[in-house]
N, C-alpha and C. Protein backbone atom coordinates (compact mmCIF):
# COMPACT_ATOMS: atom_id res chain seq x y z
N UNK A 1 -85.81 5.89 -61.38
CA UNK A 1 -86.60 6.03 -62.44
C UNK A 1 -86.15 6.91 -63.25
N UNK A 2 -86.39 5.99 -64.58
CA UNK A 2 -85.18 7.13 -65.98
C UNK A 2 -86.68 7.89 -66.54
N UNK A 3 -86.24 8.96 -66.86
CA UNK A 3 -86.27 9.79 -67.84
C UNK A 3 -85.60 10.62 -67.13
N UNK A 4 -85.81 12.12 -67.50
CA UNK A 4 -85.08 13.16 -67.08
C UNK A 4 -86.80 14.35 -66.72
N UNK A 5 -86.91 14.69 -66.16
CA UNK A 5 -87.65 15.75 -66.31
C UNK A 5 -87.85 16.92 -66.16
N UNK A 6 -87.90 17.37 -66.89
CA UNK A 6 -87.98 18.51 -67.68
C UNK A 6 -88.97 19.94 -67.01
N UNK A 7 -88.45 20.84 -66.89
CA UNK A 7 -88.52 22.46 -65.77
C UNK A 7 -89.44 23.21 -67.33
N UNK A 8 -90.23 23.98 -66.96
CA UNK A 8 -90.88 24.72 -67.91
C UNK A 8 -89.72 26.18 -67.22
N UNK A 9 -90.16 26.73 -68.62
CA UNK A 9 -89.73 28.34 -68.57
C UNK A 9 -89.59 28.91 -67.14
N UNK A 10 -88.59 29.46 -66.40
CA UNK A 10 -88.72 29.82 -65.11
C UNK A 10 -88.95 29.77 -63.70
N UNK A 11 -88.75 27.93 -63.94
CA UNK A 11 -89.38 27.08 -62.39
C UNK A 11 -88.05 26.14 -62.34
N UNK A 12 -88.13 26.35 -61.25
CA UNK A 12 -87.02 26.00 -60.14
C UNK A 12 -87.87 24.64 -59.28
N UNK A 13 -87.09 23.63 -59.39
CA UNK A 13 -87.25 22.58 -57.87
C UNK A 13 -87.00 23.21 -56.47
N UNK A 14 -88.13 23.06 -55.79
CA UNK A 14 -88.08 23.41 -54.07
C UNK A 14 -87.32 22.16 -53.36
N UNK A 15 -88.06 20.87 -53.80
CA UNK A 15 -88.04 20.07 -53.22
C UNK A 15 -88.57 18.14 -53.88
N UNK A 16 -87.32 17.25 -53.97
CA UNK A 16 -87.84 15.94 -54.33
C UNK A 16 -86.81 15.24 -53.72
N UNK A 17 -87.95 14.27 -53.60
CA UNK A 17 -87.18 13.34 -52.75
C UNK A 17 -86.70 11.89 -54.10
N UNK A 18 -85.69 11.59 -52.82
CA UNK A 18 -85.14 10.43 -53.93
C UNK A 18 -86.30 9.54 -53.66
N UNK A 19 -86.45 8.94 -52.62
CA UNK A 19 -87.35 8.12 -52.11
C UNK A 19 -88.85 7.37 -52.01
N UNK A 20 -89.50 8.93 -53.39
CA UNK A 20 -90.47 8.96 -53.41
C UNK A 20 -90.62 9.15 -54.93
N UNK A 21 -91.08 9.00 -55.92
CA UNK A 21 -91.11 9.64 -57.40
C UNK A 21 -91.70 11.17 -57.18
N UNK A 22 -91.43 11.92 -56.07
CA UNK A 22 -92.73 13.47 -56.08
C UNK A 22 -91.84 14.81 -56.38
N UNK A 23 -91.99 15.84 -57.26
CA UNK A 23 -90.93 16.71 -57.71
C UNK A 23 -92.47 17.97 -57.34
N UNK A 24 -91.47 18.73 -56.34
CA UNK A 24 -92.63 20.07 -56.16
C UNK A 24 -91.22 21.15 -56.30
N UNK A 25 -91.68 22.07 -57.30
CA UNK A 25 -91.77 23.09 -57.98
C UNK A 25 -92.21 24.59 -58.10
N UNK A 26 -91.35 25.32 -58.31
CA UNK A 26 -92.60 26.99 -58.31
C UNK A 26 -94.10 27.10 -58.76
N UNK A 27 -93.67 25.96 -59.35
CA UNK A 27 -95.50 26.25 -60.57
C UNK A 27 -96.24 24.63 -60.27
N UNK A 28 -95.64 24.04 -59.66
CA UNK A 28 -96.58 22.73 -59.74
C UNK A 28 -96.62 21.16 -58.91
N UNK A 29 -96.02 20.79 -58.43
CA UNK A 29 -96.23 19.33 -57.91
C UNK A 29 -96.50 18.20 -58.71
N UNK A 30 -95.52 17.70 -59.34
CA UNK A 30 -95.20 16.39 -60.25
C UNK A 30 -95.10 15.10 -58.91
N UNK A 31 -95.71 13.78 -59.90
CA UNK A 31 -95.15 12.20 -59.42
C UNK A 31 -95.43 11.47 -60.65
N UNK A 32 -93.76 11.37 -60.26
CA UNK A 32 -93.70 10.21 -61.62
C UNK A 32 -93.25 8.07 -61.73
N UNK A 33 -94.41 7.39 -62.37
CA UNK A 33 -94.44 6.99 -61.35
C UNK A 33 -94.62 5.28 -63.43
N UNK A 34 -94.40 4.64 -62.22
CA UNK A 34 -94.75 3.16 -63.69
C UNK A 34 -96.31 2.25 -64.01
N UNK A 35 -96.66 2.43 -64.35
CA UNK A 35 -98.45 1.16 -64.35
C UNK A 35 -97.54 0.69 -65.26
N UNK A 36 -97.11 -0.47 -64.79
CA UNK A 36 -96.65 -1.91 -65.67
C UNK A 36 -97.60 -1.73 -67.08
N UNK A 37 -97.14 -1.40 -68.41
CA UNK A 37 -95.69 -1.67 -68.64
C UNK A 37 -95.54 -0.19 -68.83
N UNK A 38 -96.18 0.53 -68.42
CA UNK A 38 -96.28 2.28 -69.25
C UNK A 38 -95.97 3.44 -68.26
N UNK A 39 -94.65 3.93 -68.35
CA UNK A 39 -94.87 5.16 -67.53
C UNK A 39 -96.00 6.20 -67.03
N UNK A 40 -96.05 6.76 -65.93
CA UNK A 40 -97.65 7.34 -65.73
C UNK A 40 -96.82 8.74 -65.38
N UNK A 41 -97.56 9.74 -65.89
CA UNK A 41 -96.86 11.43 -64.85
C UNK A 41 -97.98 12.00 -65.01
N UNK A 42 -98.02 12.61 -63.77
CA UNK A 42 -99.00 13.36 -62.83
C UNK A 42 -99.12 14.54 -62.55
N UNK A 43 -99.65 16.06 -62.63
CA UNK A 43 -99.29 16.94 -62.58
C UNK A 43 -100.22 18.18 -62.52
N UNK A 44 -100.05 18.70 -61.01
CA UNK A 44 -101.50 18.90 -60.53
C UNK A 44 -99.98 21.04 -60.41
N UNK A 45 -101.65 22.17 -60.94
CA UNK A 45 -100.62 23.31 -60.55
C UNK A 45 -100.36 23.84 -59.47
N UNK A 46 -99.20 24.34 -58.80
CA UNK A 46 -100.03 24.98 -57.67
C UNK A 46 -101.35 26.05 -56.89
N UNK A 47 -101.94 27.08 -57.87
CA UNK A 47 -103.06 27.54 -57.41
C UNK A 47 -104.08 26.38 -57.77
N UNK A 48 -103.58 25.03 -57.83
CA UNK A 48 -104.55 24.01 -58.71
C UNK A 48 -104.79 23.50 -57.34
N UNK A 49 -103.48 23.94 -56.30
CA UNK A 49 -104.22 22.52 -54.98
C UNK A 49 -105.35 23.20 -54.40
N UNK A 50 -106.23 21.98 -53.66
CA UNK A 50 -107.45 21.84 -53.11
C UNK A 50 -107.03 21.74 -51.38
N UNK A 51 -106.12 20.31 -51.60
CA UNK A 51 -105.96 19.76 -50.47
C UNK A 51 -104.81 19.42 -50.26
N UNK A 52 -103.83 18.44 -49.36
CA UNK A 52 -103.33 18.09 -49.22
C UNK A 52 -103.11 16.88 -47.98
N UNK A 53 -102.77 15.82 -47.90
CA UNK A 53 -102.92 14.75 -46.77
C UNK A 53 -102.37 13.54 -47.06
N UNK A 54 -101.89 12.87 -45.52
CA UNK A 54 -101.74 11.68 -45.16
C UNK A 54 -102.79 10.65 -44.91
N UNK A 55 -102.70 9.65 -45.70
CA UNK A 55 -103.12 8.66 -45.17
C UNK A 55 -102.88 7.75 -44.79
N UNK A 56 -102.90 6.74 -44.16
CA UNK A 56 -102.31 5.26 -43.65
C UNK A 56 -104.26 4.01 -44.17
N UNK A 57 -103.71 2.85 -45.77
CA UNK A 57 -105.07 3.04 -45.51
C UNK A 57 -104.77 1.61 -45.07
N UNK A 58 -105.97 0.59 -43.88
CA UNK A 58 -105.31 -0.87 -43.21
C UNK A 58 -106.21 -1.45 -43.57
N UNK A 59 -106.52 -2.45 -43.73
CA UNK A 59 -108.04 -3.21 -43.83
C UNK A 59 -108.17 -4.25 -42.36
N UNK A 60 -109.04 -3.41 -41.49
CA UNK A 60 -109.17 -3.56 -40.26
C UNK A 60 -109.86 -4.43 -40.01
N UNK A 61 -110.69 -5.29 -41.07
CA UNK A 61 -111.34 -6.52 -40.45
C UNK A 61 -110.18 -7.75 -41.42
N UNK A 62 -109.37 -7.52 -41.57
CA UNK A 62 -108.23 -8.89 -40.91
C UNK A 62 -107.88 -9.10 -39.92
N UNK A 63 -107.62 -7.87 -39.41
CA UNK A 63 -107.50 -7.80 -37.35
C UNK A 63 -109.08 -8.49 -36.96
N UNK A 64 -110.41 -8.19 -37.11
CA UNK A 64 -111.52 -8.77 -36.19
C UNK A 64 -111.45 -9.43 -36.84
N UNK A 65 -111.41 -10.44 -38.02
CA UNK A 65 -111.93 -11.90 -38.49
C UNK A 65 -110.32 -12.77 -37.17
N UNK A 66 -109.30 -12.45 -37.73
CA UNK A 66 -108.21 -13.16 -36.44
C UNK A 66 -108.59 -13.04 -35.12
N UNK A 67 -109.25 -11.78 -34.42
CA UNK A 67 -109.63 -12.16 -33.34
C UNK A 67 -110.89 -12.91 -32.90
N UNK A 68 -111.29 -13.07 -34.68
CA UNK A 68 -112.69 -13.92 -34.01
C UNK A 68 -112.28 -15.72 -34.31
N UNK A 69 -111.38 -15.82 -34.86
CA UNK A 69 -110.16 -17.16 -35.20
C UNK A 69 -109.96 -17.25 -33.65
N UNK A 70 -109.84 -16.35 -33.22
CA UNK A 70 -108.45 -16.86 -31.66
C UNK A 70 -109.59 -16.90 -31.14
N UNK A 71 -110.11 -16.85 -31.42
CA UNK A 71 -112.14 -16.70 -30.19
C UNK A 71 -112.30 -18.74 -30.06
N UNK A 72 -112.77 -18.45 -31.07
CA UNK A 72 -113.38 -20.39 -31.96
C UNK A 72 -112.10 -21.44 -31.41
N UNK A 73 -110.81 -20.60 -31.70
CA UNK A 73 -109.30 -21.43 -31.36
C UNK A 73 -109.90 -22.35 -30.19
N UNK A 74 -109.93 -20.69 -29.07
CA UNK A 74 -109.82 -21.27 -28.12
C UNK A 74 -110.92 -21.60 -27.94
N UNK A 75 -112.02 -21.47 -27.85
CA UNK A 75 -113.36 -22.49 -27.79
C UNK A 75 -112.90 -24.39 -28.46
N UNK A 76 -112.82 -24.01 -29.59
CA UNK A 76 -112.24 -25.24 -29.90
C UNK A 76 -111.14 -26.44 -29.26
N UNK A 77 -110.55 -25.73 -28.42
CA UNK A 77 -109.24 -26.44 -27.97
C UNK A 77 -109.89 -26.66 -26.16
N UNK A 78 -111.19 -26.47 -26.01
CA UNK A 78 -111.64 -27.10 -24.82
C UNK A 78 -111.88 -28.19 -24.80
N UNK A 79 -112.11 -28.55 -25.77
CA UNK A 79 -112.54 -30.29 -26.11
C UNK A 79 -112.56 -30.68 -25.72
N UNK A 80 -113.78 -31.93 -24.45
CA UNK A 80 -113.06 -32.92 -23.96
C UNK A 80 -112.41 -33.86 -25.06
N UNK A 81 -111.32 -34.41 -24.54
CA UNK A 81 -110.39 -35.72 -25.11
C UNK A 81 -109.16 -35.39 -25.69
N UNK A 82 -109.04 -33.81 -25.36
CA UNK A 82 -108.25 -33.15 -27.10
C UNK A 82 -108.43 -33.43 -28.42
N UNK A 83 -110.32 -33.45 -28.64
CA UNK A 83 -110.68 -33.68 -29.77
C UNK A 83 -110.60 -32.42 -30.41
N UNK A 84 -110.64 -31.41 -30.09
CA UNK A 84 -110.58 -30.14 -30.95
C UNK A 84 -109.11 -28.95 -30.83
N UNK A 85 -108.17 -29.83 -30.59
CA UNK A 85 -106.39 -29.65 -30.68
C UNK A 85 -106.19 -29.30 -32.49
N UNK A 86 -106.79 -30.41 -32.96
CA UNK A 86 -106.48 -29.38 -34.43
C UNK A 86 -107.01 -29.11 -35.32
N UNK A 87 -108.24 -28.78 -34.47
CA UNK A 87 -109.08 -28.06 -35.84
C UNK A 87 -108.10 -25.54 -34.58
N UNK A 88 -107.46 -26.47 -32.76
CA UNK A 88 -107.64 -25.14 -33.01
C UNK A 88 -106.14 -25.18 -33.21
N UNK A 89 -105.44 -25.58 -33.03
CA UNK A 89 -103.46 -25.65 -33.91
C UNK A 89 -104.34 -24.48 -35.31
N UNK A 90 -104.64 -25.29 -35.44
CA UNK A 90 -105.42 -24.43 -37.32
C UNK A 90 -106.11 -22.95 -37.51
N UNK A 91 -107.56 -23.10 -36.25
CA UNK A 91 -107.57 -21.48 -36.63
C UNK A 91 -106.02 -20.70 -36.02
N UNK A 92 -105.76 -21.00 -34.68
CA UNK A 92 -104.22 -20.15 -33.58
C UNK A 92 -103.67 -20.12 -35.28
N UNK A 93 -103.56 -21.11 -36.57
CA UNK A 93 -101.78 -20.32 -37.29
C UNK A 93 -102.40 -18.80 -38.20
N UNK A 94 -104.40 -19.23 -38.69
CA UNK A 94 -104.51 -18.49 -39.58
C UNK A 94 -105.06 -17.40 -39.23
N UNK A 95 -104.88 -17.40 -38.28
CA UNK A 95 -105.17 -15.43 -36.45
C UNK A 95 -103.79 -15.17 -37.39
N UNK A 96 -102.67 -15.83 -36.55
CA UNK A 96 -101.54 -15.51 -37.41
C UNK A 96 -101.30 -14.43 -38.39
N UNK A 97 -101.47 -15.96 -38.91
CA UNK A 97 -101.79 -15.25 -41.36
C UNK A 97 -102.14 -13.90 -40.88
N UNK A 98 -102.59 -13.98 -40.45
CA UNK A 98 -104.15 -12.28 -40.67
C UNK A 98 -103.98 -11.42 -40.33
N UNK A 99 -103.39 -11.22 -38.87
CA UNK A 99 -102.51 -10.76 -38.89
C UNK A 99 -101.26 -9.85 -38.99
N UNK A 100 -100.78 -10.88 -39.51
CA UNK A 100 -98.50 -11.00 -40.76
C UNK A 100 -99.48 -10.05 -41.57
N UNK A 101 -100.81 -10.45 -42.69
CA UNK A 101 -101.11 -9.82 -43.46
C UNK A 101 -101.30 -8.52 -43.75
N UNK A 102 -101.63 -7.73 -42.40
CA UNK A 102 -102.51 -7.17 -41.75
C UNK A 102 -101.30 -5.65 -42.12
N UNK A 103 -100.42 -6.33 -41.32
CA UNK A 103 -98.84 -5.21 -41.35
C UNK A 103 -98.79 -5.35 -42.57
N UNK A 104 -98.11 -6.56 -42.89
CA UNK A 104 -97.60 -6.27 -44.19
C UNK A 104 -98.10 -5.21 -45.67
N UNK A 105 -99.63 -5.62 -45.25
CA UNK A 105 -101.06 -3.86 -46.78
C UNK A 105 -100.56 -3.07 -45.90
N UNK A 106 -100.80 -2.24 -45.02
CA UNK A 106 -100.67 -0.70 -44.50
C UNK A 106 -99.90 -0.56 -45.65
N UNK A 107 -100.14 0.63 -45.66
CA UNK A 107 -99.92 1.39 -46.69
C UNK A 107 -100.11 3.35 -46.44
N UNK A 108 -98.87 3.28 -46.59
CA UNK A 108 -98.99 5.30 -45.94
C UNK A 108 -99.19 5.43 -47.42
N UNK A 109 -99.59 6.28 -48.31
CA UNK A 109 -99.93 7.74 -48.60
C UNK A 109 -99.76 8.71 -48.54
N UNK A 110 -99.10 9.71 -49.27
CA UNK A 110 -99.36 11.74 -49.49
C UNK A 110 -99.76 11.69 -50.54
N UNK A 111 -101.18 12.43 -50.27
CA UNK A 111 -102.36 12.85 -50.99
C UNK A 111 -102.32 14.56 -51.59
N UNK A 112 -102.46 14.80 -52.75
CA UNK A 112 -102.39 15.56 -53.11
C UNK A 112 -103.72 16.50 -53.98
N UNK A 113 -104.97 16.68 -54.00
CA UNK A 113 -106.15 17.03 -54.18
C UNK A 113 -106.39 17.78 -55.75
N UNK A 114 -106.76 18.21 -56.84
CA UNK A 114 -107.09 19.41 -57.33
C UNK A 114 -108.38 20.00 -56.53
N UNK A 115 -108.91 21.06 -57.71
CA UNK A 115 -109.86 22.14 -57.66
C UNK A 115 -110.99 21.13 -57.54
N UNK A 116 -110.52 20.36 -59.46
CA UNK A 116 -111.34 20.04 -60.31
C UNK A 116 -111.44 18.31 -59.63
N UNK A 117 -110.90 17.89 -58.31
CA UNK A 117 -111.88 16.28 -58.32
C UNK A 117 -109.81 15.34 -58.28
N UNK A 118 -108.89 15.44 -59.38
CA UNK A 118 -108.42 14.67 -59.74
C UNK A 118 -106.93 14.86 -58.38
N UNK A 119 -107.16 13.38 -57.69
CA UNK A 119 -106.46 12.98 -56.66
C UNK A 119 -105.35 12.46 -56.80
N UNK A 120 -104.05 13.07 -56.85
CA UNK A 120 -102.92 12.54 -56.66
C UNK A 120 -102.63 11.78 -55.41
N UNK A 121 -102.29 10.26 -55.76
CA UNK A 121 -101.59 9.50 -53.96
C UNK A 121 -100.18 8.58 -55.05
N UNK A 122 -99.59 9.23 -53.62
CA UNK A 122 -97.91 8.81 -53.64
C UNK A 122 -97.75 7.97 -52.48
N UNK A 123 -97.57 7.04 -53.08
CA UNK A 123 -96.98 5.93 -51.60
C UNK A 123 -95.58 6.56 -51.26
N UNK A 124 -96.32 6.62 -50.39
CA UNK A 124 -94.93 7.13 -48.83
C UNK A 124 -94.10 6.35 -47.85
N UNK A 125 -94.85 5.14 -48.63
CA UNK A 125 -94.02 3.93 -47.15
C UNK A 125 -92.50 3.42 -47.08
N UNK A 126 -91.67 4.26 -47.42
CA UNK A 126 -90.17 4.79 -47.57
C UNK A 126 -89.75 5.61 -46.87
N UNK A 127 -90.93 6.44 -45.75
CA UNK A 127 -90.71 8.58 -45.73
C UNK A 127 -91.12 7.79 -44.17
N UNK A 128 -90.31 8.33 -43.58
CA UNK A 128 -90.81 8.73 -42.28
C UNK A 128 -91.83 9.58 -41.94
N UNK A 129 -92.82 8.93 -41.07
CA UNK A 129 -93.31 10.36 -40.38
C UNK A 129 -92.94 11.67 -41.13
N UNK A 130 -91.84 12.24 -39.79
CA UNK A 130 -91.42 12.72 -40.42
C UNK A 130 -91.88 13.77 -41.51
N UNK A 131 -90.83 12.96 -42.56
CA UNK A 131 -90.15 13.60 -43.82
C UNK A 131 -92.33 13.75 -44.62
N UNK A 132 -92.94 12.60 -44.21
CA UNK A 132 -94.45 12.87 -45.21
C UNK A 132 -94.43 14.57 -44.49
N UNK A 133 -94.67 14.61 -42.97
CA UNK A 133 -95.53 15.69 -43.28
C UNK A 133 -94.39 17.46 -43.25
N UNK A 134 -93.17 16.80 -43.56
CA UNK A 134 -92.10 18.28 -43.79
C UNK A 134 -92.75 18.34 -45.52
N UNK A 135 -93.01 17.08 -45.89
CA UNK A 135 -93.48 17.21 -47.81
C UNK A 135 -94.38 17.11 -47.78
N UNK A 136 -95.42 18.42 -47.02
CA UNK A 136 -96.91 18.31 -46.66
C UNK A 136 -96.93 19.31 -46.65
N UNK A 137 -96.40 19.56 -45.93
CA UNK A 137 -96.21 21.35 -45.50
C UNK A 137 -95.57 21.94 -46.53
N UNK A 138 -94.18 21.53 -47.29
CA UNK A 138 -92.97 21.82 -48.32
C UNK A 138 -94.53 22.72 -49.33
N UNK A 139 -95.56 21.48 -50.02
CA UNK A 139 -96.42 21.61 -50.31
C UNK A 139 -97.47 22.80 -50.28
N UNK A 140 -97.65 23.20 -49.15
CA UNK A 140 -99.07 23.91 -48.40
C UNK A 140 -98.01 25.36 -48.82
N UNK A 141 -97.04 25.43 -48.42
CA UNK A 141 -96.05 26.38 -47.87
C UNK A 141 -95.49 26.97 -49.44
N UNK A 142 -95.44 25.92 -50.41
CA UNK A 142 -95.31 26.99 -51.85
C UNK A 142 -96.70 26.96 -52.90
N UNK A 143 -97.74 26.32 -52.26
CA UNK A 143 -98.74 27.24 -52.07
C UNK A 143 -99.03 28.62 -52.34
N UNK A 144 -99.06 28.49 -50.64
CA UNK A 144 -99.04 29.78 -50.29
C UNK A 144 -97.78 31.44 -50.95
N UNK A 145 -97.34 30.25 -50.80
CA UNK A 145 -96.33 31.44 -51.76
C UNK A 145 -96.54 31.80 -53.23
N UNK A 146 -97.31 30.41 -54.03
CA UNK A 146 -96.79 30.96 -55.50
C UNK A 146 -98.67 32.35 -55.42
N UNK A 147 -99.59 31.83 -54.42
CA UNK A 147 -100.86 32.60 -54.98
C UNK A 147 -100.75 34.37 -54.42
N UNK A 148 -99.81 33.81 -52.85
CA UNK A 148 -99.41 35.94 -52.97
C UNK A 148 -97.91 36.66 -53.68
N UNK A 149 -98.08 35.51 -55.01
CA UNK A 149 -97.18 36.61 -55.65
C UNK A 149 -98.56 36.91 -56.95
N UNK A 150 -99.81 35.77 -56.89
CA UNK A 150 -100.57 36.08 -58.04
C UNK A 150 -101.32 37.79 -58.06
N UNK A 151 -101.31 38.45 -58.49
CA UNK A 151 -101.38 39.84 -59.31
C UNK A 151 -103.45 40.09 -58.37
N UNK A 152 -103.17 40.45 -56.96
CA UNK A 152 -105.37 40.40 -57.13
C UNK A 152 -106.29 41.09 -58.33
N UNK A 153 -107.31 39.94 -57.80
CA UNK A 153 -108.20 39.87 -59.53
C UNK A 153 -109.02 41.47 -58.23
N UNK A 154 -109.84 42.14 -59.70
CA UNK A 154 -110.33 43.63 -59.08
C UNK A 154 -112.35 43.14 -58.51
């Protein structure tokens, strides 16, 4: 991603990934991305983080539709004198395409939510599951360390 990330006075980078545009500092979590045609920038301060999580977004209806089409293809193939063979072949083809679309459109996303309801969603397709967990734990650890440094309210 082009452009420089400017640190605030006293800010240090704790974690930065070359695979996802996410930066964790001792003050905030920042996400830079392109929302065509303009670059976008999201930031949540550590004290404002309400929750973190890992979400896998998939479309289960594609698998269900594929199963139904496959059952219809089996039924069409049972027609006498092979009259349903072309329909069975077509339905099987569409069922296989739906399964491929299901696996190609699955997305893993790191989610950081602020106490005010802002939701930062960082695509993490290029990260392994362990890398995602490491990043989420680093955010949680940084938040707890930051909160421990704040003066306690009377």
